[in-house]
C-alpha atoms as a PDB file:
ATOM      1  CA  MET A   1      56.814  96.724  41.384  1.00  0.00           C
ATOM      2  CA  PRO A   2      59.301  97.637  44.165  1.00  0.00           C
ATOM      3  CA  GLU A   3      60.173  95.300  47.012  1.00  0.00           C
ATOM      4  CA  PRO A   4      57.529  95.356  49.773  1.00  0.00           C
ATOM      5  CA  TYR A   5      58.371  97.332  52.886  1.00  0.00           C
ATOM      6  CA  PRO A   6      60.006  95.187  55.590  1.00  0.00           C
ATOM      7  CA  ILE A   7      57.685  93.689  58.203  1.00  0.00           C
ATOM      8  CA  SER A   8      58.019  95.460  61.563  1.00  0.00           C
ATOM      9  CA  VAL A   9      56.323  94.453  64.820  1.00  0.00           C
ATOM     10  CA  VAL A  10      56.475  98.121  65.877  1.00  0.00           C
ATOM     11  CA  ALA A  11      53.996 100.387  64.104  1.00  0.00           C
ATOM     12  CA  PRO A  12      55.357 103.462  62.304  1.00  0.00           C
ATOM     13  CA  PRO A  13      53.912 106.674  63.803  1.00  0.00           C
ATOM     14  CA  LEU A  14      50.874 108.250  62.208  1.00  0.00           C
ATOM     15  CA  ALA A  15      51.715 111.369  60.231  1.00  0.00           C
ATOM     16  CA  GLY A  16      48.718 113.390  61.423  1.00  0.00           C
ATOM     17  CA  ARG A  17      45.912 113.273  63.951  1.00  0.00           C
ATOM     18  CA  SER A  18      43.946 110.067  64.289  1.00  0.00           C
ATOM     19  CA  VAL A  19      40.475 110.050  62.773  1.00  0.00           C
ATOM     20  CA  ALA A  20      39.161 107.123  64.829  1.00  0.00           C
ATOM     21  CA  SER A  21      40.156 104.698  67.557  1.00  0.00           C
ATOM     22  CA  GLN A  22      38.953 101.300  68.769  1.00  0.00           C
ATOM     23  CA  ARG A  23      39.793  98.664  71.341  1.00  0.00           C
ATOM     24  CA  TRP A  24      40.166  95.176  69.858  1.00  0.00           C
ATOM     25  CA  SER A  25      39.898  92.381  72.448  1.00  0.00           C
ATOM     26  CA  ASN A  26      39.953  88.568  72.472  1.00  0.00           C
ATOM     27  CA  LEU A  27      41.143  88.245  68.895  1.00  0.00           C
ATOM     28  CA  CYS A  28      41.680  84.946  67.162  1.00  0.00           C
ATOM     29  CA  PHE A  29      43.753  84.945  63.967  1.00  0.00           C
ATOM     30  CA  VAL A  30      42.899  81.833  61.943  1.00  0.00           C
ATOM     31  CA  HIS A  31      44.758  81.554  58.620  1.00  0.00           C
ATOM     32  CA  TRP A  32      45.101  79.256  55.643  1.00  0.00           C
ATOM     33  CA  ARG A  33      47.696  79.175  52.872  1.00  0.00           C
ATOM     34  CA  VAL A  34      46.274  79.814  49.404  1.00  0.00           C
ATOM     35  CA  PRO A  35      47.866  80.321  45.982  1.00  0.00           C
ATOM     36  CA  ALA A  36      48.461  83.971  45.147  1.00  0.00           C
ATOM     37  CA  ALA A  37      46.516  83.404  41.919  1.00  0.00           C
ATOM     38  CA  ALA A  38      43.371  82.747  43.987  1.00  0.00           C
ATOM     39  CA  VAL A  39      43.730  86.068  45.810  1.00  0.00           C
ATOM     40  CA  ALA A  40      44.745  88.366  42.943  1.00  0.00           C
ATOM     41  CA  PRO A  41      41.310  88.667  41.242  1.00  0.00           C
ATOM     42  CA  ILE A  42      39.668  89.766  44.507  1.00  0.00           C
ATOM     43  CA  LEU A  43      42.038  92.642  45.276  1.00  0.00           C
ATOM     44  CA  PRO A  44      41.299  96.290  44.402  1.00  0.00           C
ATOM     45  CA  ASP A  45      43.023  97.790  41.387  1.00  0.00           C
ATOM     46  CA  GLY A  46      46.726  98.507  41.791  1.00  0.00           C
ATOM     47  CA  LEU A  47      47.362  95.774  44.384  1.00  0.00           C
ATOM     48  CA  ILE A  48      49.072  92.402  44.170  1.00  0.00           C
ATOM     49  CA  PRO A  49      48.952  89.559  46.710  1.00  0.00           C
ATOM     50  CA  ASP A  50      51.447  89.745  49.557  1.00  0.00           C
ATOM     51  CA  GLU A  51      53.188  86.394  50.034  1.00  0.00           C
ATOM     52  CA  PHE A  52      55.034  84.532  52.762  1.00  0.00           C
ATOM     53  CA  ASP A  53      56.871  81.270  52.152  1.00  0.00           C
ATOM     54  CA  GLY A  54      55.554  81.096  48.586  1.00  0.00           C
ATOM     55  CA  SER A  55      51.887  81.500  49.518  1.00  0.00           C
ATOM     56  CA  SER A  56      49.313  84.170  50.013  1.00  0.00           C
ATOM     57  CA  TRP A  57      47.063  83.841  53.062  1.00  0.00           C
ATOM     58  CA  VAL A  58      43.367  84.122  53.947  1.00  0.00           C
ATOM     59  CA  GLY A  59      42.352  85.068  57.476  1.00  0.00           C
ATOM     60  CA  LEU A  60      39.121  84.486  59.400  1.00  0.00           C
ATOM     61  CA  ILE A  61      39.380  86.761  62.422  1.00  0.00           C
ATOM     62  CA  PRO A  62      36.757  87.190  65.177  1.00  0.00           C
ATOM     63  CA  PHE A  63      37.132  89.632  68.070  1.00  0.00           C
ATOM     64  CA  VAL A  64      35.366  92.154  70.300  1.00  0.00           C
ATOM     65  CA  LEU A  65      35.388  95.793  69.179  1.00  0.00           C
ATOM     66  CA  ASP A  66      34.591  98.424  71.797  1.00  0.00           C
ATOM     67  CA  ARG A  67      35.524 101.915  73.053  1.00  0.00           C
ATOM     68  CA  ALA A  68      35.142 103.197  69.496  1.00  0.00           C
ATOM     69  CA  THR A  69      35.674 106.921  68.868  1.00  0.00           C
ATOM     70  CA  VAL A  70      35.335 108.993  65.680  1.00  0.00           C
ATOM     71  CA  LEU A  71      37.021 112.345  65.004  1.00  0.00           C
ATOM     72  CA  GLY A  72      37.935 112.847  68.656  1.00  0.00           C
ATOM     73  CA  SER A  73      34.540 111.935  70.104  1.00  0.00           C
ATOM     74  CA  PRO A  74      34.153 110.211  73.475  1.00  0.00           C
ATOM     75  CA  PRO A  75      33.724 106.410  73.248  1.00  0.00           C
ATOM     76  CA  VAL A  76      30.451 105.697  71.500  1.00  0.00           C
ATOM     77  CA  PRO A  77      28.104 103.753  73.834  1.00  0.00           C
ATOM     78  CA  TYR A  78      26.319 100.637  72.553  1.00  0.00           C
ATOM     79  CA  TYR A  79      26.878 101.286  68.820  1.00  0.00           C
ATOM     80  CA  GLY A  80      30.644 101.256  69.366  1.00  0.00           C
ATOM     81  CA  ASN A  81      30.649  97.899  71.156  1.00  0.00           C
ATOM     82  CA  PHE A  82      30.105  94.625  69.308  1.00  0.00           C
ATOM     83  CA  VAL A  83      31.630  91.332  68.190  1.00  0.00           C
ATOM     84  CA  GLU A  84      33.139  91.465  64.703  1.00  0.00           C
ATOM     85  CA  VAL A  85      34.165  88.670  62.368  1.00  0.00           C
ATOM     86  CA  ASN A  86      36.173  89.530  59.276  1.00  0.00           C
ATOM     87  CA  VAL A  87      37.614  87.733  56.275  1.00  0.00           C
ATOM     88  CA  ARG A  88      40.807  89.401  55.133  1.00  0.00           C
ATOM     89  CA  LEU A  89      43.575  89.124  52.561  1.00  0.00           C
ATOM     90  CA  TYR A  90      47.088  90.592  52.320  1.00  0.00           C
ATOM     91  CA  ALA A  91      48.274  92.919  49.573  1.00  0.00           C
ATOM     92  CA  VAL A  92      51.067  95.217  48.398  1.00  0.00           C
ATOM     93  CA  ASP A  93      50.647  98.416  46.365  1.00  0.00           C
ATOM     94  CA  ALA A  94      52.857  99.933  43.667  1.00  0.00           C
ATOM     95  CA  ALA A  95      54.869 101.812  46.299  1.00  0.00           C
ATOM     96  CA  GLY A  96      55.674  98.593  48.175  1.00  0.00           C
ATOM     97  CA  ARG A  97      53.304  99.408  51.056  1.00  0.00           C
ATOM     98  CA  ARG A  98      51.771  96.403  52.784  1.00  0.00           C
ATOM     99  CA  GLY A  99      48.218  96.240  54.073  1.00  0.00           C
ATOM    100  CA  VAL A 100      45.119  94.131  54.576  1.00  0.00           C
ATOM    101  CA  VAL A 101      42.114  93.942  52.283  1.00  0.00           C
ATOM    102  CA  PHE A 102      38.789  93.067  53.880  1.00  0.00           C
ATOM    103  CA  VAL A 103      36.454  90.884  51.855  1.00  0.00           C
ATOM    104  CA  SER A 104      33.726  91.101  54.496  1.00  0.00           C
ATOM    105  CA  LEU A 105      33.274  92.317  58.075  1.00  0.00           C
ATOM    106  CA  GLU A 106      30.338  91.059  60.147  1.00  0.00           C
ATOM    107  CA  ALA A 107      29.009  93.362  62.899  1.00  0.00           C
ATOM    108  CA  SER A 108      25.834  93.482  64.991  1.00  0.00           C
ATOM    109  CA  ARG A 109      25.262  97.259  65.150  1.00  0.00           C
ATOM    110  CA  LEU A 110      23.486  98.533  62.051  1.00  0.00           C
ATOM    111  CA  ALA A 111      24.512 102.137  62.733  1.00  0.00           C
ATOM    112  CA  ALA A 112      28.171 101.104  62.905  1.00  0.00           C
ATOM    113  CA  VAL A 113      27.806  99.119  59.680  1.00  0.00           C
ATOM    114  CA  LEU A 114      26.331 102.099  57.843  1.00  0.00           C
ATOM    115  CA  ALA A 115      28.914 104.520  59.268  1.00  0.00           C
ATOM    116  CA  ALA A 116      31.882 102.308  58.337  1.00  0.00           C
ATOM    117  CA  ARG A 117      30.523 101.896  54.820  1.00  0.00           C
ATOM    118  CA  ALA A 118      29.961 105.643  54.428  1.00  0.00           C
ATOM    119  CA  LEU A 119      33.163 106.913  56.067  1.00  0.00           C
ATOM    120  CA  PHE A 120      35.703 104.259  55.077  1.00  0.00           C
ATOM    121  CA  ALA A 121      34.031 102.318  52.212  1.00  0.00           C
ATOM    122  CA  LEU A 122      34.522  99.056  54.110  1.00  0.00           C
ATOM    123  CA  PRO A 123      32.326  96.034  53.263  1.00  0.00           C
ATOM    124  CA  TYR A 124      30.628  95.720  56.653  1.00  0.00           C
ATOM    125  CA  MET A 125      27.621  93.387  56.857  1.00  0.00           C
ATOM    126  CA  TRP A 126      24.839  93.602  59.432  1.00  0.00           C
ATOM    127  CA  SER A 127      24.857  90.331  61.338  1.00  0.00           C
ATOM    128  CA  ARG A 128      23.882  88.827  64.655  1.00  0.00           C
ATOM    129  CA  THR A 129      27.255  88.302  66.330  1.00  0.00           C
ATOM    130  CA  ARG A 130      28.172  86.906  69.720  1.00  0.00           C
ATOM    131  CA  LEU A 131      31.057  85.757  71.898  1.00  0.00           C
ATOM    132  CA  THR A 132      30.751  83.478  74.929  1.00  0.00           C
ATOM    133  CA  LEU A 133      33.538  82.158  77.164  1.00  0.00           C
ATOM    134  CA  ALA A 134      33.317  78.867  79.045  1.00  0.00           C
ATOM    135  CA  ALA A 135      35.980  76.517  80.416  1.00  0.00           C
ATOM    136  CA  GLY A 136      38.758  78.483  78.751  1.00  0.00           C
ATOM    137  CA  GLU A 137      37.172  78.260  75.291  1.00  0.00           C
ATOM    138  CA  TYR A 138      35.993  81.235  73.212  1.00  0.00           C
ATOM    139  CA  ARG A 139      32.885  80.613  71.097  1.00  0.00           C
ATOM    140  CA  TYR A 140      32.365  83.187  68.345  1.00  0.00           C
ATOM    141  CA  SER A 141      29.234  83.139  66.209  1.00  0.00           C
ATOM    142  CA  SER A 142      27.783  85.271  63.442  1.00  0.00           C
ATOM    143  CA  ARG A 143      24.720  85.006  61.224  1.00  0.00           C
ATOM    144  CA  ARG A 144      24.115  87.650  58.579  1.00  0.00           C
ATOM    145  CA  HIS A 145      20.703  89.339  58.500  1.00  0.00           C
ATOM    146  CA  PHE A 146      18.726  88.720  55.295  1.00  0.00           C
ATOM    147  CA  ALA A 147      21.351  86.142  54.265  1.00  0.00           C
ATOM    148  CA  ALA A 148      21.151  83.391  56.869  1.00  0.00           C
ATOM    149  CA  GLY A 149      23.445  81.202  54.797  1.00  0.00           C
ATOM    150  CA  ALA A 150      26.312  83.616  55.519  1.00  0.00           C
ATOM    151  CA  ARG A 151      27.375  82.471  58.953  1.00  0.00           C
ATOM    152  CA  THR A 152      30.193  81.245  61.134  1.00  0.00           C
ATOM    153  CA  GLU A 153      30.600  79.457  64.427  1.00  0.00           C
ATOM    154  CA  MET A 154      34.079  78.971  65.829  1.00  0.00           C
ATOM    155  CA  VAL A 155      35.351  77.635  69.148  1.00  0.00           C
ATOM    156  CA  VAL A 156      38.953  78.473  70.010  1.00  0.00           C
ATOM    157  CA  ARG A 157      41.101  77.360  72.932  1.00  0.00           C
ATOM    158  CA  PRO A 158      44.213  79.516  73.580  1.00  0.00           C
ATOM    159  CA  ARG A 159      47.336  77.726  74.782  1.00  0.00           C
ATOM    160  CA  ASP A 160      49.857  78.956  77.306  1.00  0.00           C
ATOM    161  CA  GLU A 161      52.538  79.197  74.609  1.00  0.00           C
ATOM    162  CA  PRO A 162      53.690  82.774  73.862  1.00  0.00           C
ATOM    163  CA  VAL A 163      54.624  83.591  70.279  1.00  0.00           C
ATOM    164  CA  THR A 164      57.588  85.917  69.767  1.00  0.00           C
ATOM    165  CA  GLY A 165      60.063  86.301  66.950  1.00  0.00           C
ATOM    166  CA  ASP A 166      57.950  84.167  64.608  1.00  0.00           C
ATOM    167  CA  PRO A 167      58.235  85.509  61.022  1.00  0.00           C
ATOM    168  CA  LEU A 168      54.877  84.051  59.930  1.00  0.00           C
ATOM    169  CA  ALA A 169      53.042  85.445  62.961  1.00  0.00           C
ATOM    170  CA  ASP A 170      54.625  88.834  62.293  1.00  0.00           C
ATOM    171  CA  PHE A 171      53.603  88.682  58.613  1.00  0.00           C
ATOM    172  CA  LEU A 172      49.981  87.908  59.513  1.00  0.00           C
ATOM    173  CA  THR A 173      49.507  90.308  62.427  1.00  0.00           C
ATOM    174  CA  ALA A 174      51.985  93.214  62.110  1.00  0.00           C
ATOM    175  CA  ARG A 175      49.800  95.054  59.615  1.00  0.00           C
ATOM    176  CA  TRP A 176      49.766  98.819  59.884  1.00  0.00           C
ATOM    177  CA  ALA A 177      47.384  99.723  57.074  1.00  0.00           C
ATOM    178  CA  LEU A 178      44.350  98.651  55.117  1.00  0.00           C
ATOM    179  CA  PHE A 179      43.416  99.107  51.485  1.00  0.00           C
ATOM    180  CA  THR A 180      39.876  99.757  50.326  1.00  0.00           C
ATOM    181  CA  ARG A 181      38.164 100.899  47.143  1.00  0.00           C
ATOM    182  CA  ALA A 182      36.341 104.248  47.388  1.00  0.00           C
ATOM    183  CA  ARG A 183      35.038 106.628  44.718  1.00  0.00           C
ATOM    184  CA  GLY A 184      36.813 104.758  41.959  1.00  0.00           C
ATOM    185  CA  ARG A 185      40.267 104.630  43.540  1.00  0.00           C
ATOM    186  CA  THR A 186      42.219 102.436  45.912  1.00  0.00           C
ATOM    187  CA  VAL A 187      42.622 104.108  49.313  1.00  0.00           C
ATOM    188  CA  TYR A 188      45.363 103.451  51.890  1.00  0.00           C
ATOM    189  CA  LEU A 189      44.386 103.973  55.547  1.00  0.00           C
ATOM    190  CA  ARG A 190      46.964 103.649  58.337  1.00  0.00           C
ATOM    191  CA  ASN A 191      46.562 102.284  61.851  1.00  0.00           C
ATOM    192  CA  HIS A 192      48.760 102.334  64.932  1.00  0.00           C
ATOM    193  CA  HIS A 193      48.817 100.216  68.073  1.00  0.00           C
ATOM    194  CA  ALA A 194      51.215  98.548  70.494  1.00  0.00           C
ATOM    195  CA  PRO A 195      52.902  95.303  69.400  1.00  0.00           C
ATOM    196  CA  TRP A 196      50.672  92.251  69.609  1.00  0.00           C
ATOM    197  CA  GLU A 197      50.791  89.940  72.610  1.00  0.00           C
ATOM    198  CA  LEU A 198      50.221  86.531  70.981  1.00  0.00           C
ATOM    199  CA  VAL A 199      49.849  82.918  72.065  1.00  0.00           C
ATOM    200  CA  GLN A 200      49.307  79.712  70.130  1.00  0.00           C
ATOM    201  CA  ALA A 201      45.713  78.475  69.974  1.00  0.00           C
ATOM    202  CA  ASP A 202      43.618  75.579  68.700  1.00  0.00           C
ATOM    203  CA  VAL A 203      40.390  75.635  66.710  1.00  0.00           C
ATOM    204  CA  VAL A 204      38.106  73.175  68.488  1.00  0.00           C
ATOM    205  CA  LEU A 205      35.130  73.697  66.167  1.00  0.00           C
ATOM    206  CA  LEU A 206      34.589  75.561  62.903  1.00  0.00           C
ATOM    207  CA  ASP A 207      31.298  75.716  60.992  1.00  0.00           C
ATOM    208  CA  ASP A 208      31.682  78.513  58.464  1.00  0.00           C
ATOM    209  CA  THR A 209      30.370  79.740  55.107  1.00  0.00           C
ATOM    210  CA  LEU A 210      31.966  83.207  55.104  1.00  0.00           C
ATOM    211  CA  LEU A 211      35.163  81.861  53.552  1.00  0.00           C
ATOM    212  CA  ALA A 212      33.230  80.189  50.752  1.00  0.00           C
ATOM    213  CA  ARG A 213      31.318  83.403  50.075  1.00  0.00           C
ATOM    214  CA  ALA A 214      34.634  85.229  49.920  1.00  0.00           C
ATOM    215  CA  GLY A 215      35.738  82.892  47.134  1.00  0.00           C
ATOM    216  CA  PHE A 216      37.551  80.169  49.102  1.00  0.00           C
ATOM    217  CA  PRO A 217      35.126  77.234  49.382  1.00  0.00           C
ATOM    218  CA  SER A 218      37.693  74.533  50.180  1.00  0.00           C
ATOM    219  CA  LEU A 219      39.370  76.052  53.229  1.00  0.00           C
ATOM    220  CA  THR A 220      37.026  74.840  55.954  1.00  0.00           C
ATOM    221  CA  GLY A 221      37.628  71.290  54.762  1.00  0.00           C
ATOM    222  CA  ARG A 222      41.197  71.359  56.052  1.00  0.00           C
ATOM    223  CA  GLN A 223      42.965  72.429  59.211  1.00  0.00           C
ATOM    224  CA  PRO A 224      44.165  76.037  59.434  1.00  0.00           C
ATOM    225  CA  ASP A 225      47.869  76.609  58.854  1.00  0.00           C
ATOM    226  CA  SER A 226      48.151  79.154  61.678  1.00  0.00           C
ATOM    227  CA  VAL A 227      46.013  79.839  64.762  1.00  0.00           C
ATOM    228  CA  LEU A 228      46.958  82.665  67.123  1.00  0.00           C
ATOM    229  CA  PHE A 229      45.159  84.420  69.969  1.00  0.00           C
ATOM    230  CA  SER A 230      45.648  87.862  71.520  1.00  0.00           C
ATOM    231  CA  PRO A 231      44.005  89.581  74.502  1.00  0.00           C
ATOM    232  CA  GLY A 232      43.971  92.723  72.367  1.00  0.00           C
ATOM    233  CA  VAL A 233      45.199  96.235  71.636  1.00  0.00           C
ATOM    234  CA  THR A 234      43.863  99.782  71.386  1.00  0.00           C
ATOM    235  CA  THR A 235      44.138 101.012  67.798  1.00  0.00           C
ATOM    236  CA  ARG A 236      44.151 104.479  66.218  1.00  0.00           C
ATOM    237  CA  PHE A 237      43.489 105.184  62.545  1.00  0.00           C
ATOM    238  CA  GLY A 238      44.887 108.051  60.496  1.00  0.00           C
ATOM    239  CA  THR A 239      47.163 109.014  57.632  1.00  0.00           C
ATOM    240  CA  GLY A 240      50.547 107.464  56.922  1.00  0.00           C
END
């Protein structure tokens, strides 16, 4: 296995035309250290865990997705606007390319769930998701339809402490591709957006079962190892 590509806070250009775009807003990146051996069995074939400081990492990441387009369409009204909560891992392929692997993605628009599953083979789940803002705190919630035990509620308070030049923050957020399993093979899908604007944040409340369902039942019993917040970026997807 070759050395992984270097981490870069600037996205490499897409090789061809973008196939989709989205605005991601009010993102919270909540991460825990985990042994690489706990991540490896969950990854698609041909991938190994990506590690930082001797650990792999599990992320619980809520945000608002809107202004979604597909194949050059105008922004899709209603169905392209929802709160999403995802559980993600970090992996490297045999070529040394880094990317994220989604274990689950909660979204409130059934049409978007079905489209993402059909077009990109991503494990989207139809859920009732919501974000409210009060007194400087962001409250994200999700409850999966037909599986009420799959849920999360998180309250996050961003701090006025910008994050720049932090190798761990770069490792967790400067991710310019995802891996997914489709039609019996592992697929690599690129994305491109401006560098993240990040600040430190605190988790005020976390009541979650999504991590346990993803195979990490002990994480919510301890404090996260990294909490970051971003106002957001506009992202395009395409080939590498």
